[in-house]
N, C-alpha and C. Protein backbone atom coordinates (compact mmCIF):
# COMPACT_ATOMS: atom_id res chain seq x y z
N MET A 1 33.70 -9.64 129.22
CA MET A 1 32.52 -10.38 129.19
C MET A 1 32.23 -10.92 127.46
N ASP A 2 31.84 -12.10 127.26
CA ASP A 2 31.68 -12.63 126.05
C ASP A 2 30.18 -12.30 125.93
N ALA A 3 29.95 -11.55 124.97
CA ALA A 3 28.61 -10.82 124.73
C ALA A 3 27.58 -11.67 124.13
N SER A 4 28.56 -12.73 123.07
CA SER A 4 27.04 -13.73 122.49
C SER A 4 26.75 -14.97 123.25
N SER A 5 27.31 -15.20 124.46
CA SER A 5 26.79 -15.79 125.52
C SER A 5 26.32 -15.18 126.75
N LYS A 6 26.91 -14.26 126.91
CA LYS A 6 26.55 -13.17 128.23
C LYS A 6 27.49 -13.92 129.43
N ASP A 7 28.44 -14.24 128.93
CA ASP A 7 29.14 -15.36 130.49
C ASP A 7 30.39 -14.21 130.26
N TYR A 8 30.67 -14.37 131.56
CA TYR A 8 32.10 -13.58 131.92
C TYR A 8 33.11 -14.27 131.83
N LYS A 9 34.29 -14.20 131.15
CA LYS A 9 35.35 -15.16 131.22
C LYS A 9 36.65 -14.17 131.98
N VAL A 10 37.81 -15.15 132.00
CA VAL A 10 38.84 -14.57 132.54
C VAL A 10 39.61 -15.55 131.95
N LEU A 11 40.83 -15.11 131.19
CA LEU A 11 41.65 -15.39 130.63
C LEU A 11 43.44 -15.44 131.04
N VAL A 12 43.97 -16.53 131.26
CA VAL A 12 44.98 -16.62 132.20
C VAL A 12 46.33 -17.27 130.93
N ILE A 13 47.12 -15.94 131.42
CA ILE A 13 48.36 -16.40 130.41
C ILE A 13 49.39 -16.94 131.45
N ARG A 14 50.27 -17.47 131.43
CA ARG A 14 51.73 -18.01 132.34
C ARG A 14 52.56 -18.57 131.33
N ARG A 15 53.64 -17.57 131.04
CA ARG A 15 54.68 -17.80 130.14
C ARG A 15 56.30 -17.92 130.88
N ILE A 16 56.49 -19.13 130.91
CA ILE A 16 57.70 -19.04 131.87
C ILE A 16 59.10 -19.35 130.81
N GLY A 17 58.64 -19.20 129.48
CA GLY A 17 59.95 -19.01 128.72
C GLY A 17 60.60 -20.22 127.87
N VAL A 18 59.64 -21.76 128.45
CA VAL A 18 59.76 -22.79 127.90
C VAL A 18 58.23 -23.29 127.40
N VAL A 19 58.17 -23.41 125.96
CA VAL A 19 57.03 -23.70 125.22
C VAL A 19 56.01 -24.99 126.12
N GLU A 20 56.73 -25.74 126.26
CA GLU A 20 56.69 -26.89 127.06
C GLU A 20 55.47 -26.61 128.24
N ASP A 21 55.68 -25.39 128.87
CA ASP A 21 55.40 -25.34 130.55
C ASP A 21 54.66 -24.58 130.44
N ASP A 22 54.14 -23.50 129.41
CA ASP A 22 53.43 -22.20 129.15
C ASP A 22 52.04 -22.78 129.29
N LEU A 23 51.15 -21.99 129.68
CA LEU A 23 49.93 -22.32 130.28
C LEU A 23 48.97 -21.08 129.72
N TYR A 24 48.01 -21.24 128.89
CA TYR A 24 46.62 -20.49 128.66
C TYR A 24 45.35 -21.15 129.05
N ALA A 25 44.73 -20.39 129.86
CA ALA A 25 43.40 -21.34 130.26
C ALA A 25 42.31 -20.27 130.57
N ILE A 26 41.05 -20.63 130.09
CA ILE A 26 39.91 -19.81 130.27
C ILE A 26 39.08 -20.39 131.33
N TYR A 27 38.65 -19.04 132.25
CA TYR A 27 37.38 -19.26 133.15
C TYR A 27 36.28 -19.35 132.84
N ARG A 28 35.53 -19.64 133.13
CA ARG A 28 33.72 -19.69 132.61
C ARG A 28 33.37 -19.40 133.78
N MET A 29 32.43 -18.27 134.37
CA MET A 29 31.71 -17.93 135.62
C MET A 29 30.40 -18.56 135.39
N SER A 30 29.66 -19.18 133.96
CA SER A 30 28.62 -19.41 134.45
C SER A 30 28.68 -20.84 134.77
N SER A 31 29.56 -21.70 134.54
CA SER A 31 29.64 -23.04 134.39
C SER A 31 30.95 -23.32 136.25
N ASP A 32 31.82 -21.92 136.23
CA ASP A 32 32.59 -22.17 137.40
C ASP A 32 33.45 -23.44 136.81
N SER A 33 33.96 -23.12 135.83
CA SER A 33 35.10 -24.41 135.00
C SER A 33 36.26 -23.52 134.36
N TRP A 34 37.20 -24.57 134.17
CA TRP A 34 38.48 -23.70 133.54
C TRP A 34 38.58 -25.07 132.37
N ARG A 35 39.11 -24.42 131.36
CA ARG A 35 39.42 -24.94 130.13
C ARG A 35 40.81 -24.68 129.78
N VAL A 36 41.56 -25.39 129.69
CA VAL A 36 43.14 -25.39 129.24
C VAL A 36 43.12 -25.24 127.56
N LEU A 37 43.51 -24.41 127.37
CA LEU A 37 43.63 -24.09 125.64
C LEU A 37 44.64 -25.43 124.99
N LYS A 38 44.20 -26.14 124.24
CA LYS A 38 45.26 -27.21 123.25
C LYS A 38 46.31 -26.44 122.96
N GLU A 39 47.58 -27.37 122.90
CA GLU A 39 48.63 -27.04 121.86
C GLU A 39 48.19 -26.44 120.67
N GLU A 40 47.48 -26.90 119.85
CA GLU A 40 47.20 -26.49 118.35
C GLU A 40 46.63 -25.10 118.70
N GLU A 41 45.82 -24.54 119.53
CA GLU A 41 45.16 -23.28 119.82
C GLU A 41 46.13 -22.19 119.84
N VAL A 42 47.21 -22.55 120.58
CA VAL A 42 48.61 -21.32 120.77
C VAL A 42 49.37 -21.63 120.21
N GLN A 43 49.28 -22.45 119.04
CA GLN A 43 50.77 -22.63 117.82
C GLN A 43 51.05 -21.54 117.46
N LEU A 44 49.89 -20.52 117.44
CA LEU A 44 50.39 -19.43 116.57
C LEU A 44 51.31 -18.27 117.50
N ILE A 45 50.77 -18.71 118.83
CA ILE A 45 51.90 -17.56 120.07
C ILE A 45 53.15 -18.44 120.25
N ASN A 46 53.37 -19.69 120.46
CA ASN A 46 54.40 -20.66 120.62
C ASN A 46 55.32 -20.53 119.44
N ASN A 47 54.79 -20.02 118.10
CA ASN A 47 55.77 -19.92 117.01
C ASN A 47 56.51 -18.73 117.00
N ASP A 48 56.20 -17.54 117.98
CA ASP A 48 56.59 -16.27 118.29
C ASP A 48 56.88 -16.18 119.51
N GLN A 49 58.24 -16.71 120.26
CA GLN A 49 58.41 -16.34 121.52
C GLN A 49 58.90 -14.68 121.66
N ARG A 50 58.72 -14.07 120.85
CA ARG A 50 59.43 -12.75 121.33
C ARG A 50 57.87 -11.79 122.18
N LEU A 51 56.98 -12.26 121.75
CA LEU A 51 55.57 -11.75 122.38
C LEU A 51 55.61 -11.34 123.62
N ALA A 52 55.52 -10.15 124.10
CA ALA A 52 55.54 -10.01 125.38
C ALA A 52 54.40 -9.69 126.37
N PHE A 53 53.19 -10.10 125.73
CA PHE A 53 51.85 -9.49 125.91
C PHE A 53 51.93 -8.04 126.79
N ARG A 54 52.60 -6.84 126.14
CA ARG A 54 52.25 -5.92 126.78
C ARG A 54 51.13 -5.03 126.17
N GLY A 55 50.49 -3.99 127.10
CA GLY A 55 49.72 -3.22 126.53
C GLY A 55 48.18 -3.37 126.34
N SER A 56 48.10 -4.57 127.31
CA SER A 56 46.68 -5.32 127.30
C SER A 56 45.61 -4.30 127.09
N VAL A 57 44.54 -4.56 126.46
CA VAL A 57 43.15 -3.83 126.33
C VAL A 57 42.23 -4.54 125.63
N CYS A 58 41.09 -4.46 126.58
CA CYS A 58 39.85 -5.30 126.34
C CYS A 58 38.73 -4.38 125.44
N VAL A 59 38.55 -4.68 124.21
CA VAL A 59 37.46 -3.89 123.53
C VAL A 59 36.29 -4.78 122.70
N ASN A 60 35.28 -4.59 123.27
CA ASN A 60 34.05 -5.07 122.66
C ASN A 60 34.30 -6.76 122.67
N GLY A 61 34.80 -7.49 123.78
CA GLY A 61 34.86 -8.72 123.79
C GLY A 61 36.21 -9.21 123.27
N VAL A 62 37.15 -8.42 122.97
CA VAL A 62 38.02 -8.99 122.15
C VAL A 62 39.67 -8.37 122.77
N PHE A 63 40.51 -9.22 123.68
CA PHE A 63 41.80 -8.73 123.96
C PHE A 63 42.78 -8.12 122.93
N TYR A 64 43.50 -7.41 123.24
CA TYR A 64 44.52 -6.81 122.22
C TYR A 64 45.90 -6.78 123.15
N TRP A 65 47.30 -7.28 122.32
CA TRP A 65 48.16 -7.05 122.83
C TRP A 65 49.22 -6.28 121.96
N GLN A 66 49.91 -5.06 121.90
CA GLN A 66 50.94 -5.15 120.93
C GLN A 66 52.22 -5.75 121.25
N GLY A 67 52.47 -6.41 119.65
CA GLY A 67 53.37 -7.35 119.15
C GLY A 67 54.59 -6.80 118.74
N LEU A 68 55.44 -7.34 117.83
CA LEU A 68 56.27 -6.91 117.36
C LEU A 68 56.25 -6.79 115.78
N GLU A 69 56.94 -6.30 114.90
CA GLU A 69 56.96 -6.09 113.22
C GLU A 69 55.34 -5.36 113.03
N SER A 70 55.20 -4.38 113.83
CA SER A 70 53.86 -3.74 113.51
C SER A 70 52.67 -4.72 113.48
N LYS A 71 52.45 -5.15 114.17
CA LYS A 71 51.26 -6.29 114.80
C LYS A 71 50.41 -6.25 116.03
N LEU A 72 49.19 -6.61 115.78
CA LEU A 72 48.60 -6.85 117.14
C LEU A 72 48.37 -8.70 117.66
N LEU A 73 48.16 -8.47 118.48
CA LEU A 73 47.88 -9.83 118.85
C LEU A 73 46.40 -10.01 119.44
N ALA A 74 45.48 -10.47 118.85
CA ALA A 74 44.00 -10.79 119.55
C ALA A 74 43.41 -11.91 119.95
N PHE A 75 42.63 -11.91 121.15
CA PHE A 75 41.91 -13.18 121.40
C PHE A 75 40.47 -12.62 121.54
N HIS A 76 39.96 -13.27 120.89
CA HIS A 76 38.28 -13.41 120.97
C HIS A 76 37.87 -14.51 122.08
N LEU A 77 36.88 -13.43 122.90
CA LEU A 77 36.49 -14.18 123.96
C LEU A 77 35.29 -15.13 123.68
N ASP A 78 34.78 -14.56 122.64
CA ASP A 78 33.46 -15.74 122.20
C ASP A 78 33.89 -16.82 121.59
N THR A 79 34.61 -17.14 120.51
CA THR A 79 35.38 -17.96 119.93
C THR A 79 36.45 -18.67 120.46
N GLU A 80 37.24 -18.00 121.69
CA GLU A 80 38.33 -18.44 122.17
C GLU A 80 39.66 -18.74 121.26
N VAL A 81 39.69 -18.01 120.20
CA VAL A 81 40.78 -17.90 119.56
C VAL A 81 41.58 -16.83 119.43
N PHE A 82 42.76 -17.19 119.20
CA PHE A 82 43.90 -16.19 118.88
C PHE A 82 44.12 -15.66 117.63
N GLU A 83 44.59 -14.32 117.03
CA GLU A 83 44.91 -14.14 115.71
C GLU A 83 45.89 -12.84 115.81
N PHE A 84 46.61 -12.85 114.64
CA PHE A 84 47.32 -11.65 114.73
C PHE A 84 46.49 -10.57 113.37
N ILE A 85 46.68 -9.31 113.65
CA ILE A 85 46.21 -8.32 112.88
C ILE A 85 47.09 -7.01 112.59
N PRO A 86 47.14 -6.66 111.40
CA PRO A 86 47.98 -5.42 111.23
C PRO A 86 47.96 -4.31 112.67
N SER A 87 49.01 -3.65 113.26
CA SER A 87 48.58 -2.53 113.89
C SER A 87 48.97 -1.24 113.25
N ALA A 88 48.55 0.13 114.13
CA ALA A 88 48.88 1.60 113.50
C ALA A 88 50.24 1.82 113.34
N GLY A 89 51.02 1.10 114.20
CA GLY A 89 52.81 1.37 113.90
C GLY A 89 53.41 0.70 114.70
N GLN A 90 55.01 0.53 115.04
CA GLN A 90 55.27 -0.35 115.57
C GLN A 90 55.50 -0.24 117.12
N TRP A 91 55.50 0.62 117.61
CA TRP A 91 55.46 0.64 119.05
C TRP A 91 54.39 1.58 119.83
N GLY A 92 53.20 1.26 119.22
CA GLY A 92 52.11 2.02 119.94
C GLY A 92 51.82 1.43 121.07
N ASN A 93 51.08 2.47 121.76
CA ASN A 93 50.42 2.27 122.96
C ASN A 93 48.89 2.16 122.75
N LEU A 94 48.29 1.10 123.42
CA LEU A 94 46.82 0.60 123.13
C LEU A 94 45.79 1.43 124.30
N MET A 95 44.94 2.10 123.73
CA MET A 95 43.92 2.51 124.55
C MET A 95 42.41 2.34 124.16
N ALA A 96 41.59 2.41 124.90
CA ALA A 96 40.02 2.02 124.50
C ALA A 96 39.09 3.23 124.62
N LEU A 97 38.75 3.61 123.35
CA LEU A 97 37.71 5.04 123.19
C LEU A 97 36.46 4.74 124.14
N HIS A 98 36.03 6.00 124.26
CA HIS A 98 34.68 5.77 125.02
C HIS A 98 33.70 5.15 123.87
N ASP A 99 33.73 5.20 122.97
CA ASP A 99 32.40 4.92 121.98
C ASP A 99 32.82 3.49 121.65
N GLY A 100 33.66 2.59 122.44
CA GLY A 100 33.70 1.31 122.06
C GLY A 100 35.01 0.73 121.11
N ARG A 101 35.48 1.77 120.69
CA ARG A 101 36.95 1.38 119.31
C ARG A 101 37.89 1.29 120.13
N LEU A 102 38.87 0.67 119.02
CA LEU A 102 40.29 0.83 119.81
C LEU A 102 41.32 1.74 119.32
N ALA A 103 42.06 2.37 120.18
CA ALA A 103 43.05 3.32 119.62
C ALA A 103 44.25 3.07 119.69
N SER A 104 45.46 3.35 119.14
CA SER A 104 47.00 3.30 119.25
C SER A 104 47.21 5.03 119.30
N TRP A 105 48.44 5.23 120.21
CA TRP A 105 49.09 6.28 120.59
C TRP A 105 50.44 6.12 119.64
N GLU A 106 50.86 6.59 118.65
CA GLU A 106 52.21 6.39 118.22
C GLU A 106 53.00 7.40 118.09
N TRP A 107 54.22 7.69 118.41
CA TRP A 107 55.15 8.37 118.81
C TRP A 107 56.37 8.29 117.62
N GLU A 108 57.13 9.48 117.76
CA GLU A 108 58.41 9.30 117.05
C GLU A 108 59.40 9.90 117.90
N TRP A 109 60.69 9.22 117.87
CA TRP A 109 61.94 9.78 118.58
C TRP A 109 63.12 10.51 117.71
N ASP A 110 63.22 11.21 118.30
CA ASP A 110 64.95 11.67 117.91
C ASP A 110 65.82 11.38 118.87
N CYS A 111 66.85 10.37 118.06
CA CYS A 111 67.56 10.01 119.23
C CYS A 111 69.28 9.96 118.79
N ARG A 112 69.38 11.05 118.21
CA ARG A 112 70.48 11.51 117.65
C ARG A 112 71.72 11.94 118.87
N ASP A 113 71.04 12.45 119.99
CA ASP A 113 71.86 12.94 121.33
C ASP A 113 71.39 12.02 122.38
N TYR A 114 71.22 10.71 122.30
CA TYR A 114 70.48 9.59 123.19
C TYR A 114 71.18 9.97 124.39
N PHE A 115 72.53 9.56 124.31
CA PHE A 115 73.50 9.48 125.66
C PHE A 115 73.38 10.83 126.45
N ASN A 116 73.02 12.07 126.13
CA ASN A 116 72.75 13.16 126.82
C ASN A 116 71.32 13.25 127.15
N THR A 117 70.57 13.20 126.06
CA THR A 117 69.33 13.37 126.40
C THR A 117 67.93 12.51 126.67
N GLY A 118 68.45 11.34 126.44
CA GLY A 118 67.68 10.01 126.49
C GLY A 118 66.66 9.80 125.07
N GLY A 119 66.88 10.86 124.30
CA GLY A 119 65.84 10.82 123.32
C GLY A 119 64.87 12.16 123.34
N VAL A 120 64.34 12.43 122.44
CA VAL A 120 63.56 13.68 122.46
C VAL A 120 62.17 13.17 121.93
N SER A 121 60.94 13.39 122.46
CA SER A 121 59.91 13.24 121.34
C SER A 121 59.69 14.27 120.04
N LEU A 122 59.30 13.65 118.89
CA LEU A 122 58.55 14.46 117.88
C LEU A 122 57.44 14.71 118.16
N GLY A 123 56.91 14.37 118.99
CA GLY A 123 55.26 14.18 118.64
C GLY A 123 54.91 12.86 118.30
N GLY A 124 53.57 12.88 118.18
CA GLY A 124 52.46 11.33 117.62
C GLY A 124 51.42 11.74 117.27
N ALA A 125 50.67 10.69 116.69
CA ALA A 125 49.24 10.89 116.65
C ALA A 125 48.61 9.73 117.27
N VAL A 126 47.21 9.90 117.53
CA VAL A 126 46.46 8.76 117.87
C VAL A 126 45.56 8.46 116.77
N TRP A 127 45.60 6.83 116.36
CA TRP A 127 44.95 6.08 115.43
C TRP A 127 43.87 5.77 115.85
N VAL A 128 42.67 5.44 115.42
CA VAL A 128 41.65 4.44 115.81
C VAL A 128 41.24 3.72 114.68
N MET A 129 40.99 2.20 115.16
CA MET A 129 40.83 0.48 114.55
C MET A 129 39.30 0.90 113.69
N ASN A 130 39.46 0.55 112.61
CA ASN A 130 37.96 0.86 111.90
C ASN A 130 37.32 -0.56 112.02
N GLY A 131 36.40 -1.35 112.76
CA GLY A 131 36.30 -2.62 112.84
C GLY A 131 36.82 -3.48 113.41
N HIS A 132 37.27 -4.73 112.86
CA HIS A 132 38.53 -5.28 113.66
C HIS A 132 39.76 -5.97 112.83
N GLY A 133 39.49 -5.43 111.45
CA GLY A 133 40.63 -6.31 110.37
C GLY A 133 42.05 -5.47 110.43
N GLY A 134 41.95 -4.32 111.13
CA GLY A 134 43.62 -3.86 111.13
C GLY A 134 43.40 -2.83 110.54
N ASN A 135 42.33 -2.04 109.99
CA ASN A 135 41.87 -0.84 109.14
C ASN A 135 42.07 0.42 109.82
N TRP A 136 43.32 1.17 109.95
CA TRP A 136 43.47 2.17 111.00
C TRP A 136 43.50 3.49 110.43
N THR A 137 42.58 4.71 111.27
CA THR A 137 42.57 6.12 110.74
C THR A 137 43.01 7.18 111.74
N LYS A 138 43.68 7.80 110.92
CA LYS A 138 44.30 8.80 112.23
C LYS A 138 43.27 9.53 112.43
N LEU A 139 43.48 9.95 114.03
CA LEU A 139 42.00 10.69 114.98
C LEU A 139 42.78 11.88 114.90
N PHE A 140 44.03 12.23 115.31
CA PHE A 140 44.37 13.76 115.58
C PHE A 140 45.86 13.51 116.28
N ASN A 141 46.72 14.57 115.89
CA ASN A 141 48.22 14.70 116.01
C ASN A 141 48.20 15.34 117.42
N ILE A 142 49.31 14.78 118.27
CA ILE A 142 49.62 15.33 119.89
C ILE A 142 50.67 15.92 119.90
N ALA A 143 50.85 17.41 120.27
CA ALA A 143 52.17 17.78 120.89
C ALA A 143 52.97 17.48 119.56
N PRO A 144 52.69 18.28 118.22
CA PRO A 144 53.96 18.10 116.99
C PRO A 144 54.95 18.95 117.06
N PRO A 145 55.99 18.89 116.60
CA PRO A 145 57.26 19.56 116.78
C PRO A 145 56.91 21.23 116.49
N GLY A 146 57.89 21.73 117.29
CA GLY A 146 57.40 23.41 117.32
C GLY A 146 56.43 23.42 118.46
N SER A 147 55.82 23.08 119.37
CA SER A 147 54.59 22.83 120.28
C SER A 147 55.50 23.17 121.53
N GLY A 148 57.16 22.48 121.57
CA GLY A 148 57.62 23.21 122.77
C GLY A 148 57.62 21.98 123.90
N LEU A 149 56.69 21.27 123.49
CA LEU A 149 56.52 19.89 124.62
C LEU A 149 57.50 18.66 123.96
N SER A 150 57.77 17.96 124.91
CA SER A 150 58.27 16.61 124.55
C SER A 150 57.63 15.73 125.32
N ILE A 151 56.68 15.01 124.91
CA ILE A 151 55.60 14.09 125.26
C ILE A 151 56.03 12.70 125.21
N THR A 152 56.45 12.03 126.34
CA THR A 152 57.00 10.74 125.83
C THR A 152 56.02 9.94 126.03
N ARG A 153 54.76 9.75 126.45
CA ARG A 153 53.91 8.83 126.29
C ARG A 153 52.55 9.51 126.73
N MET A 154 51.58 8.63 125.81
CA MET A 154 50.19 9.18 126.13
C MET A 154 49.28 7.80 126.84
N TYR A 155 48.51 8.17 127.59
CA TYR A 155 47.89 7.02 128.39
C TYR A 155 46.56 6.91 128.38
N GLY A 156 45.71 7.90 128.11
CA GLY A 156 44.53 7.62 127.88
C GLY A 156 43.62 8.85 127.73
N PHE A 157 42.37 8.81 127.47
CA PHE A 157 41.54 9.78 127.17
C PHE A 157 40.74 10.41 128.59
N TRP A 158 40.59 11.74 128.65
CA TRP A 158 39.77 12.19 129.70
C TRP A 158 38.45 13.07 129.22
N THR A 159 38.07 14.18 129.81
CA THR A 159 36.63 14.35 128.85
C THR A 159 37.30 15.79 128.58
N HIS A 160 36.23 16.42 127.73
CA HIS A 160 36.31 17.37 127.11
C HIS A 160 37.75 17.72 126.39
N GLY A 161 38.10 16.71 125.02
CA GLY A 161 39.12 16.94 124.67
C GLY A 161 40.47 16.71 125.39
N LYS A 162 40.84 16.55 126.37
CA LYS A 162 41.77 16.10 127.18
C LYS A 162 42.51 14.87 127.39
N VAL A 163 43.72 14.90 127.43
CA VAL A 163 44.09 13.32 127.62
C VAL A 163 45.52 13.33 128.59
N PHE A 164 45.65 12.04 129.06
CA PHE A 164 46.70 11.52 129.96
C PHE A 164 48.25 11.50 129.49
N VAL A 165 48.90 12.60 129.61
CA VAL A 165 50.02 11.77 129.03
C VAL A 165 51.32 12.13 130.04
N GLU A 166 52.48 11.98 129.70
CA GLU A 166 53.67 12.01 130.58
C GLU A 166 54.82 12.57 129.47
N VAL A 167 55.15 13.89 129.96
CA VAL A 167 56.56 14.62 129.78
C VAL A 167 57.63 14.29 129.98
N HIS A 168 58.85 14.46 128.82
CA HIS A 168 59.87 14.32 129.05
C HIS A 168 60.68 14.86 130.44
N SER A 169 61.32 14.59 131.39
CA SER A 169 61.68 15.09 132.76
C SER A 169 62.53 14.05 133.44
N ASP A 170 63.42 14.73 134.45
CA ASP A 170 64.20 13.44 135.46
C ASP A 170 63.23 12.80 135.87
N THR A 171 61.88 13.08 136.32
CA THR A 171 60.97 12.52 136.97
C THR A 171 59.71 12.08 136.02
N ARG A 172 59.28 10.90 136.26
CA ARG A 172 58.01 10.47 135.35
C ARG A 172 56.99 11.23 136.03
N ILE A 173 56.21 12.27 135.42
CA ILE A 173 54.84 12.96 135.89
C ILE A 173 53.73 12.55 135.18
N LEU A 174 52.57 12.42 135.80
CA LEU A 174 51.26 12.33 134.82
C LEU A 174 50.88 14.03 135.17
N TYR A 175 50.29 14.29 133.35
CA TYR A 175 49.58 15.41 132.98
C TYR A 175 48.45 15.12 132.53
N LEU A 176 47.70 16.33 132.51
CA LEU A 176 46.51 16.23 131.78
C LEU A 176 46.48 17.62 130.50
N TYR A 177 46.71 16.87 129.40
CA TYR A 177 46.89 17.76 127.94
C TYR A 177 45.91 18.13 127.31
N ASP A 178 45.45 19.54 127.22
CA ASP A 178 44.12 19.87 126.43
C ASP A 178 44.86 19.90 124.77
N ILE A 179 44.31 18.99 123.80
CA ILE A 179 44.55 18.98 122.54
C ILE A 179 44.39 20.10 121.72
N GLU A 180 43.12 20.65 122.10
CA GLU A 180 42.63 21.69 121.31
C GLU A 180 43.48 23.33 121.75
N THR A 181 43.61 23.57 122.96
CA THR A 181 44.26 24.74 123.47
C THR A 181 46.14 24.37 123.54
N GLY A 182 46.55 23.28 123.46
CA GLY A 182 47.86 22.85 123.94
C GLY A 182 48.14 23.23 125.17
N GLU A 183 47.15 23.63 126.54
CA GLU A 183 47.40 23.66 127.73
C GLU A 183 47.47 22.47 128.30
N ILE A 184 48.44 22.64 129.55
CA ILE A 184 49.21 21.34 130.02
C ILE A 184 48.85 21.50 132.09
N CYS A 185 48.32 20.70 132.35
CA CYS A 185 48.04 20.52 133.90
C CYS A 185 48.74 19.50 134.43
N GLU A 186 49.70 19.64 135.29
CA GLU A 186 50.40 18.67 135.99
C GLU A 186 49.38 18.37 137.55
N LEU A 187 49.27 16.89 137.32
CA LEU A 187 48.45 16.02 138.29
C LEU A 187 48.95 15.67 139.45
N GLY A 188 50.24 15.66 139.88
CA GLY A 188 51.08 15.24 140.79
C GLY A 188 51.21 14.42 141.36
N PHE A 189 51.35 13.15 140.36
CA PHE A 189 51.41 12.00 140.30
C PHE A 189 53.00 11.65 139.69
N GLU A 190 53.80 11.31 140.65
CA GLU A 190 55.14 11.26 140.24
C GLU A 190 55.58 9.40 140.34
N GLY A 191 56.68 8.97 139.74
CA GLY A 191 57.11 7.66 139.68
C GLY A 191 56.87 6.86 138.46
N CYS A 192 55.86 6.10 138.49
CA CYS A 192 55.77 5.22 137.21
C CYS A 192 53.87 5.60 136.94
N PRO A 193 53.39 6.48 136.11
CA PRO A 193 52.28 6.34 136.67
C PRO A 193 51.68 5.22 135.36
N TRP A 194 50.35 4.99 135.53
CA TRP A 194 49.50 4.31 134.74
C TRP A 194 48.11 4.49 134.85
N VAL A 195 47.15 4.66 133.65
CA VAL A 195 46.11 5.01 133.80
C VAL A 195 44.94 4.00 133.59
N PHE A 196 43.82 3.43 134.24
CA PHE A 196 43.19 2.34 134.23
C PHE A 196 41.79 3.03 134.29
N TYR A 197 40.73 2.30 133.28
CA TYR A 197 39.40 2.83 133.35
C TYR A 197 38.20 1.38 133.98
N TYR A 198 37.61 2.32 135.12
CA TYR A 198 36.92 1.33 135.91
C TYR A 198 35.45 1.32 135.49
N GLU A 199 34.87 0.06 135.04
CA GLU A 199 33.43 0.08 134.55
C GLU A 199 33.14 -0.82 135.29
N GLU A 200 32.22 -0.64 136.18
CA GLU A 200 31.85 -1.65 137.39
C GLU A 200 31.06 -2.54 136.78
N SER A 201 31.17 -4.04 136.97
CA SER A 201 30.60 -5.12 136.34
C SER A 201 30.71 -6.30 137.34
N LEU A 202 31.33 -6.83 137.80
CA LEU A 202 31.77 -8.07 138.57
C LEU A 202 31.70 -7.61 140.25
N LEU A 203 32.86 -6.62 140.03
CA LEU A 203 32.84 -6.31 141.65
C LEU A 203 32.68 -4.72 141.54
N ALA A 204 31.82 -4.43 142.73
CA ALA A 204 31.69 -2.73 142.96
C ALA A 204 33.01 -2.29 143.84
N VAL A 205 33.22 -1.36 143.31
CA VAL A 205 34.54 -0.31 144.37
C VAL A 205 33.74 0.30 145.71
N SER A 206 34.03 -0.08 146.82
CA SER A 206 33.43 0.47 147.95
C SER A 206 34.69 1.33 148.51
N PRO A 207 34.14 1.97 149.44
CA PRO A 207 35.45 2.89 150.38
C PRO A 207 36.08 1.78 151.15
N SER A 208 37.56 1.87 151.71
CA SER A 208 38.00 1.26 152.50
C SER A 208 37.27 1.39 153.94
N PRO A 209 37.39 0.27 154.93
CA PRO A 209 36.68 0.95 156.09
C PRO A 209 37.62 1.42 157.04
């Protein structure tokens, strides 16, 4: 939602690999209309075709994607402008905090025995961005070396100091990890889990008939 105009907007990105065929468009619900972004408005993106638009998260009317070379791509719904800002690290996993701030889970790997182990997680930290300028502060460490846990990814926050994580194993399983006690609880989801936060706005979630 664009808070400045109180209008709901949808950003559509279609990347084919050929710059001339890429499409970036904004839908405005108030006018039921589309606006295709002009070439000069997306030149910043087209100059860096390595962008994969991974790790999308929307915080306070700004969409963020994890880019390369320690930078984030941001799109402002109010001004409809793209920009690059510094990220907390190079391979972070972006998340939204409950207080409306942007957070990033940054981890470290030991790949010396990669072919046998697939790499071992050395733990990581959660960083939070102050404002919008790319100024980051470390919030806390998670599963540091010596904890006995090899957490490969953090997916998001739950309540009472717990977070959703994936622990290194033959199958990808979702766990709930208590930051303070170090306790971990398997949630029973296998495969390729992902965590999304739902906030009722445009559509209500109703039970299946």
